[in-house]
Structures are given as C-alpha cells and as structure tokens.
Amino acid sequence: DTNPPCISYVSVTPVDDLDFDLNHFIQDSVQNGYGVTNDMYLSIIFAGFEIWGGGDGLTVERFCAKVN
C-alpha cells in the first residue's frame, strides 16, 4: 500500500495509440475500493512502462493531458 495510492491499469494487448477519459479510471478506482475517494485531488499523471521482460523498443513519444 502507498499513501497516496498508486494504481496501475495494464493493457492485456499491445497498444499503439491511446485516447481516453481519465475519469473512467478514477471512478473505477473509487468504486472498487482501491484507496481513492471522491474527496481526493489528482496531482500526478504519467505514462511509461514497468518492464518485466521483452521491453526492447518501448517508447512514449508524446504525452498530453487535458484537465477540465
């Protein structure tokens, strides 16, 4: 456990491009009791890799977040 919580969502298939509403992940974390509550504030968003094996050539070429 970390405080504040760190929650990772991992794709089970290769991803070449990703465009999504981060609120869906936040609400999933709240509803599933992952340590996130509605009264918390989002402070950090990042993209990257946690490589366990076979990660040759993995890159993040662009990362952008629009917060409303």
Protein backbone atom coordinates (compact mmCIF):
# COMPACT_ATOMS: atom_id res chain seq x y z
CA ASP A 1 0.00 0.00 0.00
CA THR A 2 1.13 3.52 -0.75
CA ASN A 3 -0.23 6.77 0.59
CA PRO A 4 -1.47 8.35 -1.56
CA PRO A 5 -2.42 5.25 -3.54
CA CYS A 6 -0.69 4.36 -6.81
CA ILE A 7 -2.99 2.41 -9.13
CA SER A 8 -1.81 0.86 -12.39
CA TYR A 9 -4.07 -0.31 -15.20
CA VAL A 10 -2.29 -2.70 -17.55
CA SER A 11 -3.33 -3.47 -21.12
CA VAL A 12 -3.51 -7.16 -21.97
CA THR A 13 -2.96 -6.39 -25.67
CA PRO A 14 -0.38 -4.21 -27.46
CA VAL A 15 -1.31 -0.51 -27.63
CA ASP A 16 -0.13 1.79 -30.43
CA ASP A 17 -2.30 4.79 -29.51
CA LEU A 18 -4.46 5.67 -26.55
CA ASP A 19 -7.14 8.31 -26.13
CA PHE A 20 -9.40 8.00 -23.09
CA ASP A 21 -11.33 9.79 -20.36
CA LEU A 22 -9.24 9.51 -17.19
CA ASN A 23 -12.38 9.99 -15.09
CA HIS A 24 -13.49 6.45 -16.03
CA PHE A 25 -10.34 5.07 -14.38
CA ILE A 26 -10.76 7.34 -11.36
CA GLN A 27 -14.37 6.30 -10.84
CA ASP A 28 -13.41 2.62 -11.24
CA SER A 29 -10.76 3.10 -8.54
CA VAL A 30 -13.29 4.74 -6.20
CA GLN A 31 -15.98 2.11 -6.81
CA ASN A 32 -13.59 -0.83 -6.35
CA GLY A 33 -12.10 0.49 -3.11
CA TYR A 34 -8.53 0.93 -4.37
CA GLY A 35 -7.85 3.63 -1.77
CA VAL A 36 -9.19 6.53 -3.84
CA THR A 37 -12.08 8.61 -2.55
CA ASN A 38 -14.21 11.33 -4.13
CA ASP A 39 -12.72 13.97 -1.81
CA MET A 40 -9.14 13.43 -3.08
CA TYR A 41 -7.37 15.57 -5.69
CA LEU A 42 -5.46 14.24 -8.68
CA SER A 43 -1.89 15.53 -8.53
CA ILE A 44 0.18 13.44 -10.97
CA ILE A 45 -0.46 11.75 -14.31
CA PHE A 46 2.32 9.89 -16.10
CA ALA A 47 2.88 7.42 -18.92
CA GLY A 48 5.58 4.84 -19.07
CA PHE A 49 6.49 1.24 -18.64
CA GLU A 50 7.11 -1.22 -15.87
CA ILE A 51 9.10 -3.77 -17.79
CA TRP A 52 9.21 -7.35 -16.58
CA GLY A 53 10.67 -8.73 -19.81
CA GLY A 54 10.65 -8.25 -23.58
CA GLY A 55 10.53 -4.46 -23.44
CA ASP A 56 13.02 -3.73 -26.22
CA GLY A 57 11.97 -0.72 -28.27
CA LEU A 58 9.20 0.52 -25.99
CA THR A 59 8.81 4.30 -26.09
CA VAL A 60 6.40 7.03 -25.12
CA GLU A 61 6.70 9.56 -27.94
CA ARG A 62 4.07 12.06 -26.81
CA PHE A 63 2.03 12.54 -23.68
CA CYS A 64 -0.62 15.18 -23.14
CA ALA A 65 -3.37 15.59 -20.57
CA LYS A 66 -6.30 17.99 -20.68
CA VAL A 67 -7.87 18.54 -17.28
CA ASN A 68 -11.32 20.07 -17.04
